[in-house]
Amino acid sequence: MTSQFGSRFNHDSEAEGYDLDVQNQEDPIRTGYDELLEWVIESAAINPDSRVLELGSGTGNLSCRIGDCAELIAVDLSDQMEAIARSKLGHLSNRRFVQCDILGALDHAPGPFDRVIGTYTIHHLTEPEKYTLFAKIRRSLTKGGCAVFGDLMVKDRAALDSKIREYTAKNYEATVEALKEEFFWYLDPSIEKLENLGFQVKVKRFSDLSYGVLAALGSHD
């Protein structure tokens, strides 16, 4: 299975400058980037026995924060981003890279997983595709497992329209373009979908446009 717009969001052409770009805190898309990644790893509580799936592994900025795990399967479309990631991740001897669309990740790297993590990637999926992915993740997790995401989100469709107006007035053209052309999470319906799948959900806000979401299963689920 592949997402409708996966090829549009292959970031090969941006790989070389990506790590510098994400440090631009004046960019509303990047504000809170490091804090959000740190929170994802802290919330995932990965241990040496954990089998981990990372969706949208990019240049390795998230997985380089993992101390140790039993296995890490990293999924991304961009081999140029992966080339950069490999230079950072020599300490993870059990890491394996799978080049594929994130919506098809669990077809190429079946569970069970103890943890699923990802940052700044699921906003490349349409709303129905997000919910399909949530269901796939739910089926792939072990009892007591969790999925932890950090991404670009707004409360709902009305909030998206409001943000477009706000950033248009501020002449933030790149931010407006991202709001219009990418698929920022609608946070409220996403939480509802996750809870309907049996997850206990916690949310933390990191900037005007970025949030962290922890979706955990109980030990009996």
C-alpha atoms as a PDB file:
ATOM      1  CA  MET A   1       0.000   0.000   0.000  1.00  0.00           C
ATOM      2  CA  THR A   2       1.252   3.471  -0.856  1.00  0.00           C
ATOM      3  CA  SER A   3      -0.021   6.929   0.017  1.00  0.00           C
ATOM      4  CA  GLN A   4      -1.579   9.173  -2.603  1.00  0.00           C
ATOM      5  CA  PHE A   5       1.074  11.873  -2.439  1.00  0.00           C
ATOM      6  CA  GLY A   6       4.098   9.935  -1.220  1.00  0.00           C
ATOM      7  CA  SER A   7       6.268  10.702  -4.231  1.00  0.00           C
ATOM      8  CA  ARG A   8       5.625  14.444  -3.794  1.00  0.00           C
ATOM      9  CA  PHE A   9       7.146  14.306  -0.328  1.00  0.00           C
ATOM     10  CA  ASN A  10      10.306  12.413  -1.186  1.00  0.00           C
ATOM     11  CA  HIS A  11      12.899  14.820   0.224  1.00  0.00           C
ATOM     12  CA  ASP A  12      15.968  13.710  -1.749  1.00  0.00           C
ATOM     13  CA  SER A  13      16.475  17.208  -3.127  1.00  0.00           C
ATOM     14  CA  GLU A  14      16.368  18.730   0.371  1.00  0.00           C
ATOM     15  CA  ALA A  15      18.604  16.204   2.119  1.00  0.00           C
ATOM     16  CA  GLU A  16      21.854  18.151   2.035  1.00  0.00           C
ATOM     17  CA  GLY A  17      20.437  21.239   3.728  1.00  0.00           C
ATOM     18  CA  TYR A  18      17.826  19.575   5.925  1.00  0.00           C
ATOM     19  CA  ASP A  19      19.711  19.510   9.232  1.00  0.00           C
ATOM     20  CA  LEU A  20      20.543  23.194   8.970  1.00  0.00           C
ATOM     21  CA  ASP A  21      16.993  24.050   7.926  1.00  0.00           C
ATOM     22  CA  VAL A  22      15.354  22.420  10.939  1.00  0.00           C
ATOM     23  CA  GLN A  23      17.395  24.578  13.315  1.00  0.00           C
ATOM     24  CA  ASN A  24      15.762  27.777  12.041  1.00  0.00           C
ATOM     25  CA  GLN A  25      13.617  28.629  15.057  1.00  0.00           C
ATOM     26  CA  GLU A  26      12.245  31.726  13.331  1.00  0.00           C
ATOM     27  CA  ASP A  27      10.404  29.444  10.913  1.00  0.00           C
ATOM     28  CA  PRO A  28       7.007  28.578  12.463  1.00  0.00           C
ATOM     29  CA  ILE A  29       7.241  25.114  10.894  1.00  0.00           C
ATOM     30  CA  ARG A  30      10.519  24.440  12.757  1.00  0.00           C
ATOM     31  CA  THR A  31       9.879  26.115  16.103  1.00  0.00           C
ATOM     32  CA  GLY A  32      10.249  23.612  18.949  1.00  0.00           C
ATOM     33  CA  TYR A  33      11.916  20.991  16.739  1.00  0.00           C
ATOM     34  CA  ASP A  34      14.588  19.735  19.159  1.00  0.00           C
ATOM     35  CA  GLU A  35      12.309  19.829  22.191  1.00  0.00           C
ATOM     36  CA  LEU A  36       9.683  17.817  20.338  1.00  0.00           C
ATOM     37  CA  LEU A  37      12.156  15.128  19.266  1.00  0.00           C
ATOM     38  CA  GLU A  38      13.502  14.845  22.807  1.00  0.00           C
ATOM     39  CA  TRP A  39       9.954  14.440  24.136  1.00  0.00           C
ATOM     40  CA  VAL A  40       9.153  11.680  21.640  1.00  0.00           C
ATOM     41  CA  ILE A  41      12.159   9.614  22.721  1.00  0.00           C
ATOM     42  CA  GLU A  42      11.537  10.267  26.411  1.00  0.00           C
ATOM     43  CA  SER A  43       7.850   9.339  26.084  1.00  0.00           C
ATOM     44  CA  ALA A  44       8.585   6.198  24.075  1.00  0.00           C
ATOM     45  CA  ALA A  45      10.764   4.882  26.931  1.00  0.00           C
ATOM     46  CA  ILE A  46      12.699   2.602  24.585  1.00  0.00           C
ATOM     47  CA  ASN A  47      14.805  -0.001  26.383  1.00  0.00           C
ATOM     48  CA  PRO A  48      17.388  -2.587  25.252  1.00  0.00           C
ATOM     49  CA  ASP A  49      14.628  -5.163  24.738  1.00  0.00           C
ATOM     50  CA  SER A  50      12.393  -2.960  22.585  1.00  0.00           C
ATOM     51  CA  ARG A  51      11.630  -3.704  18.955  1.00  0.00           C
ATOM     52  CA  VAL A  52      11.078  -0.285  17.370  1.00  0.00           C
ATOM     53  CA  LEU A  53       9.610   0.958  14.084  1.00  0.00           C
ATOM     54  CA  GLU A  54      10.465   4.495  13.016  1.00  0.00           C
ATOM     55  CA  LEU A  55       8.280   6.070  10.338  1.00  0.00           C
ATOM     56  CA  GLY A  56       9.958   8.755   8.249  1.00  0.00           C
ATOM     57  CA  SER A  57      13.484   8.285   9.588  1.00  0.00           C
ATOM     58  CA  GLY A  58      14.931  11.108   7.458  1.00  0.00           C
ATOM     59  CA  THR A  59      18.467  12.175   8.370  1.00  0.00           C
ATOM     60  CA  GLY A  60      18.419  10.279  11.659  1.00  0.00           C
ATOM     61  CA  ASN A  61      17.753  13.170  14.013  1.00  0.00           C
ATOM     62  CA  LEU A  62      15.198  11.197  16.010  1.00  0.00           C
ATOM     63  CA  SER A  63      16.830   7.776  16.077  1.00  0.00           C
ATOM     64  CA  CYS A  64      20.247   9.178  17.032  1.00  0.00           C
ATOM     65  CA  ARG A  65      18.603   9.984  20.385  1.00  0.00           C
ATOM     66  CA  ILE A  66      17.884   6.285  21.047  1.00  0.00           C
ATOM     67  CA  GLY A  67      20.396   4.844  23.482  1.00  0.00           C
ATOM     68  CA  ASP A  68      19.879   1.174  22.686  1.00  0.00           C
ATOM     69  CA  CYS A  69      17.179  -1.228  21.518  1.00  0.00           C
ATOM     70  CA  ALA A  70      16.808  -4.830  20.410  1.00  0.00           C
ATOM     71  CA  GLU A  71      15.967  -3.815  16.845  1.00  0.00           C
ATOM     72  CA  LEU A  72      15.194  -0.600  14.986  1.00  0.00           C
ATOM     73  CA  ILE A  73      13.513  -0.693  11.599  1.00  0.00           C
ATOM     74  CA  ALA A  74      13.738   2.723   9.969  1.00  0.00           C
ATOM     75  CA  VAL A  75      11.406   3.550   7.074  1.00  0.00           C
ATOM     76  CA  ASP A  76      11.761   6.403   4.598  1.00  0.00           C
ATOM     77  CA  LEU A  77      11.392   7.054   0.879  1.00  0.00           C
ATOM     78  CA  SER A  78      14.575   9.099   0.565  1.00  0.00           C
ATOM     79  CA  ASP A  79      17.867   7.291   0.088  1.00  0.00           C
ATOM     80  CA  GLN A  80      19.649  10.668   0.167  1.00  0.00           C
ATOM     81  CA  MET A  81      18.307  11.364   3.663  1.00  0.00           C
ATOM     82  CA  GLU A  82      19.256   7.825   4.680  1.00  0.00           C
ATOM     83  CA  ALA A  83      22.847   8.342   3.515  1.00  0.00           C
ATOM     84  CA  ILE A  84      23.119  11.197   6.019  1.00  0.00           C
ATOM     85  CA  ALA A  85      21.388   9.195   8.744  1.00  0.00           C
ATOM     86  CA  ARG A  86      23.840   6.309   8.511  1.00  0.00           C
ATOM     87  CA  SER A  87      26.711   8.613   9.448  1.00  0.00           C
ATOM     88  CA  LYS A  88      25.004   9.377  12.789  1.00  0.00           C
ATOM     89  CA  LEU A  89      23.812   5.948  13.841  1.00  0.00           C
ATOM     90  CA  GLY A  90      26.812   3.686  14.221  1.00  0.00           C
ATOM     91  CA  HIS A  91      25.867   3.024  17.852  1.00  0.00           C
ATOM     92  CA  LEU A  92      22.673   1.221  16.767  1.00  0.00           C
ATOM     93  CA  SER A  93      24.040  -2.079  15.516  1.00  0.00           C
ATOM     94  CA  ASN A  94      20.570  -3.617  15.137  1.00  0.00           C
ATOM     95  CA  ARG A  95      19.190  -0.885  12.865  1.00  0.00           C
ATOM     96  CA  ARG A  96      17.759  -1.837   9.475  1.00  0.00           C
ATOM     97  CA  PHE A  97      16.601   0.615   6.794  1.00  0.00           C
ATOM     98  CA  VAL A  98      13.559  -0.077   4.615  1.00  0.00           C
ATOM     99  CA  GLN A  99      12.995   2.263   1.670  1.00  0.00           C
ATOM    100  CA  CYS A 100       9.259   2.499   1.176  1.00  0.00           C
ATOM    101  CA  ASP A 101       6.170   4.665   1.641  1.00  0.00           C
ATOM    102  CA  ILE A 102       5.239   4.991   5.314  1.00  0.00           C
ATOM    103  CA  LEU A 103       1.683   3.832   4.643  1.00  0.00           C
ATOM    104  CA  GLY A 104       3.126   0.542   3.403  1.00  0.00           C
ATOM    105  CA  ALA A 105       5.741   0.254   6.156  1.00  0.00           C
ATOM    106  CA  LEU A 106       3.940  -2.507   8.022  1.00  0.00           C
ATOM    107  CA  ASP A 107       3.580  -4.505   4.820  1.00  0.00           C
ATOM    108  CA  HIS A 108       7.376  -4.510   4.406  1.00  0.00           C
ATOM    109  CA  ALA A 109       8.293  -4.649   8.101  1.00  0.00           C
ATOM    110  CA  PRO A 110       5.598  -6.614   9.926  1.00  0.00           C
ATOM    111  CA  GLY A 111       5.223  -6.469  13.680  1.00  0.00           C
ATOM    112  CA  PRO A 112       4.934  -7.053  16.459  1.00  0.00           C
ATOM    113  CA  PHE A 113       6.634  -3.885  17.667  1.00  0.00           C
ATOM    114  CA  ASP A 114       6.949  -2.571  21.188  1.00  0.00           C
ATOM    115  CA  ARG A 115       7.256   1.007  20.003  1.00  0.00           C
ATOM    116  CA  VAL A 116       6.346   2.956  16.873  1.00  0.00           C
ATOM    117  CA  ILE A 117       7.819   6.447  16.603  1.00  0.00           C
ATOM    118  CA  GLY A 118       7.860   9.206  14.016  1.00  0.00           C
ATOM    119  CA  THR A 119       8.315  12.948  13.696  1.00  0.00           C
ATOM    120  CA  TYR A 120       7.281  15.390  10.973  1.00  0.00           C
ATOM    121  CA  THR A 121       6.154  12.679   8.587  1.00  0.00           C
ATOM    122  CA  ILE A 122       2.507  11.669   9.052  1.00  0.00           C
ATOM    123  CA  HIS A 123       1.388  15.125   7.909  1.00  0.00           C
ATOM    124  CA  HIS A 124       2.240  13.832   4.434  1.00  0.00           C
ATOM    125  CA  LEU A 125      -0.788  11.528   4.612  1.00  0.00           C
ATOM    126  CA  THR A 126      -4.376  12.542   3.903  1.00  0.00           C
ATOM    127  CA  GLU A 127      -6.869  12.235   6.762  1.00  0.00           C
ATOM    128  CA  PRO A 128      -8.230   8.816   5.654  1.00  0.00           C
ATOM    129  CA  GLU A 129      -4.653   7.594   5.166  1.00  0.00           C
ATOM    130  CA  LYS A 130      -3.722   8.688   8.679  1.00  0.00           C
ATOM    131  CA  TYR A 131      -6.598   6.659  10.098  1.00  0.00           C
ATOM    132  CA  THR A 132      -5.610   3.636   8.022  1.00  0.00           C
ATOM    133  CA  LEU A 133      -2.088   3.928   9.410  1.00  0.00           C
ATOM    134  CA  PHE A 134      -3.364   4.234  12.987  1.00  0.00           C
ATOM    135  CA  ALA A 135      -5.311   0.997  12.578  1.00  0.00           C
ATOM    136  CA  LYS A 136      -2.276  -0.772  11.122  1.00  0.00           C
ATOM    137  CA  ILE A 137      -0.131   0.424  14.015  1.00  0.00           C
ATOM    138  CA  ARG A 138      -2.734  -0.758  16.522  1.00  0.00           C
ATOM    139  CA  ARG A 139      -2.638  -4.259  15.056  1.00  0.00           C
ATOM    140  CA  SER A 140       1.165  -4.308  15.032  1.00  0.00           C
ATOM    141  CA  LEU A 141       1.815  -3.296  18.640  1.00  0.00           C
ATOM    142  CA  THR A 142       2.513  -5.674  21.501  1.00  0.00           C
ATOM    143  CA  LYS A 143       0.476  -5.530  24.713  1.00  0.00           C
ATOM    144  CA  GLY A 144       1.562  -2.474  26.639  1.00  0.00           C
ATOM    145  CA  GLY A 145       3.142  -0.995  23.519  1.00  0.00           C
ATOM    146  CA  CYS A 146       2.844   2.588  22.348  1.00  0.00           C
ATOM    147  CA  ALA A 147       3.131   4.885  19.376  1.00  0.00           C
ATOM    148  CA  VAL A 148       4.649   8.335  19.851  1.00  0.00           C
ATOM    149  CA  PHE A 149       4.457  11.046  17.223  1.00  0.00           C
ATOM    150  CA  GLY A 150       5.636  14.612  16.894  1.00  0.00           C
ATOM    151  CA  ASP A 151       4.199  16.541  13.996  1.00  0.00           C
ATOM    152  CA  LEU A 152       2.515  19.579  12.522  1.00  0.00           C
ATOM    153  CA  MET A 153      -1.048  19.802  13.813  1.00  0.00           C
ATOM    154  CA  VAL A 154      -4.023  22.098  14.224  1.00  0.00           C
ATOM    155  CA  LYS A 155      -7.124  21.544  16.297  1.00  0.00           C
ATOM    156  CA  ASP A 156      -9.512  21.059  13.383  1.00  0.00           C
ATOM    157  CA  ARG A 157     -10.423  22.371   9.928  1.00  0.00           C
ATOM    158  CA  ALA A 158     -11.614  25.712  11.289  1.00  0.00           C
ATOM    159  CA  ALA A 159      -8.283  26.159  13.077  1.00  0.00           C
ATOM    160  CA  LEU A 160      -6.428  25.414   9.836  1.00  0.00           C
ATOM    161  CA  ASP A 161      -8.365  28.116   8.000  1.00  0.00           C
ATOM    162  CA  SER A 162      -7.648  30.520  10.850  1.00  0.00           C
ATOM    163  CA  LYS A 163      -3.909  29.770  10.709  1.00  0.00           C
ATOM    164  CA  ILE A 164      -3.871  30.345   6.962  1.00  0.00           C
ATOM    165  CA  ARG A 165      -5.424  33.776   7.467  1.00  0.00           C
ATOM    166  CA  GLU A 166      -3.062  34.576  10.347  1.00  0.00           C
ATOM    167  CA  TYR A 167       0.130  33.677   8.510  1.00  0.00           C
ATOM    168  CA  THR A 168      -1.067  35.307   5.302  1.00  0.00           C
ATOM    169  CA  ALA A 169      -1.455  38.554   7.233  1.00  0.00           C
ATOM    170  CA  LYS A 170       2.097  38.135   8.567  1.00  0.00           C
ATOM    171  CA  ASN A 171       3.444  37.525   5.033  1.00  0.00           C
ATOM    172  CA  TYR A 172       4.800  34.090   5.981  1.00  0.00           C
ATOM    173  CA  GLU A 173       4.452  32.763   2.455  1.00  0.00           C
ATOM    174  CA  ALA A 174       6.266  29.438   3.005  1.00  0.00           C
ATOM    175  CA  THR A 175       4.169  28.678   6.087  1.00  0.00           C
ATOM    176  CA  VAL A 176       0.951  29.441   4.231  1.00  0.00           C
ATOM    177  CA  GLU A 177       2.052  27.202   1.383  1.00  0.00           C
ATOM    178  CA  ALA A 178       2.716  24.348   3.817  1.00  0.00           C
ATOM    179  CA  LEU A 179      -0.630  24.838   5.530  1.00  0.00           C
ATOM    180  CA  LYS A 180      -2.428  24.703   2.197  1.00  0.00           C
ATOM    181  CA  GLU A 181      -0.490  21.954   0.419  1.00  0.00           C
ATOM    182  CA  GLU A 182       0.442  19.505   3.180  1.00  0.00           C
ATOM    183  CA  PHE A 183      -1.895  17.591   5.454  1.00  0.00           C
ATOM    184  CA  PHE A 184      -1.417  18.902   8.969  1.00  0.00           C
ATOM    185  CA  TRP A 185      -3.110  16.627  11.499  1.00  0.00           C
ATOM    186  CA  TYR A 186      -6.574  17.628  12.637  1.00  0.00           C
ATOM    187  CA  LEU A 187      -5.835  16.943  16.275  1.00  0.00           C
ATOM    188  CA  ASP A 188      -9.338  16.526  17.700  1.00  0.00           C
ATOM    189  CA  PRO A 189     -10.586  13.897  15.211  1.00  0.00           C
ATOM    190  CA  SER A 190      -7.200  12.141  15.300  1.00  0.00           C
ATOM    191  CA  ILE A 191      -7.445  11.756  19.063  1.00  0.00           C
ATOM    192  CA  GLU A 192     -10.968  10.412  18.683  1.00  0.00           C
ATOM    193  CA  LYS A 193      -9.824   7.854  16.098  1.00  0.00           C
ATOM    194  CA  LEU A 194      -6.939   6.721  18.290  1.00  0.00           C
ATOM    195  CA  GLU A 195      -9.163   6.400  21.345  1.00  0.00           C
ATOM    196  CA  ASN A 196     -11.719   4.407  19.336  1.00  0.00           C
ATOM    197  CA  LEU A 197      -8.894   1.987  18.486  1.00  0.00           C
ATOM    198  CA  GLY A 198      -8.268   1.428  22.174  1.00  0.00           C
ATOM    199  CA  PHE A 199      -5.377   3.817  22.765  1.00  0.00           C
ATOM    200  CA  GLN A 200      -4.954   6.008  25.795  1.00  0.00           C
ATOM    201  CA  VAL A 201      -3.868   9.346  24.359  1.00  0.00           C
ATOM    202  CA  LYS A 202      -1.792  12.155  25.811  1.00  0.00           C
ATOM    203  CA  VAL A 203      -0.970  15.371  23.935  1.00  0.00           C
ATOM    204  CA  LYS A 204       1.659  18.061  24.484  1.00  0.00           C
ATOM    205  CA  ARG A 205       1.994  21.290  22.535  1.00  0.00           C
ATOM    206  CA  PHE A 206       5.461  22.524  21.516  1.00  0.00           C
ATOM    207  CA  SER A 207       4.749  25.486  19.265  1.00  0.00           C
ATOM    208  CA  ASP A 208       1.953  27.199  17.424  1.00  0.00           C
ATOM    209  CA  LEU A 209       1.928  24.410  14.824  1.00  0.00           C
ATOM    210  CA  SER A 210       3.586  21.402  16.465  1.00  0.00           C
ATOM    211  CA  TYR A 211       2.358  18.858  18.996  1.00  0.00           C
ATOM    212  CA  GLY A 212       3.413  15.545  20.445  1.00  0.00           C
ATOM    213  CA  VAL A 213       0.965  12.642  20.681  1.00  0.00           C
ATOM    214  CA  LEU A 214       1.487   9.579  22.867  1.00  0.00           C
ATOM    215  CA  ALA A 215      -0.913   6.709  22.074  1.00  0.00           C
ATOM    216  CA  ALA A 216      -0.448   3.841  24.527  1.00  0.00           C
ATOM    217  CA  LEU A 217      -2.023   0.419  24.968  1.00  0.00           C
ATOM    218  CA  GLY A 218      -2.661  -1.137  28.338  1.00  0.00           C
ATOM    219  CA  SER A 219      -0.846  -4.306  29.344  1.00  0.00           C
ATOM    220  CA  HIS A 220      -4.031  -6.314  28.678  1.00  0.00           C
ATOM    221  CA  ASP A 221      -4.838  -4.827  25.239  1.00  0.00           C
END
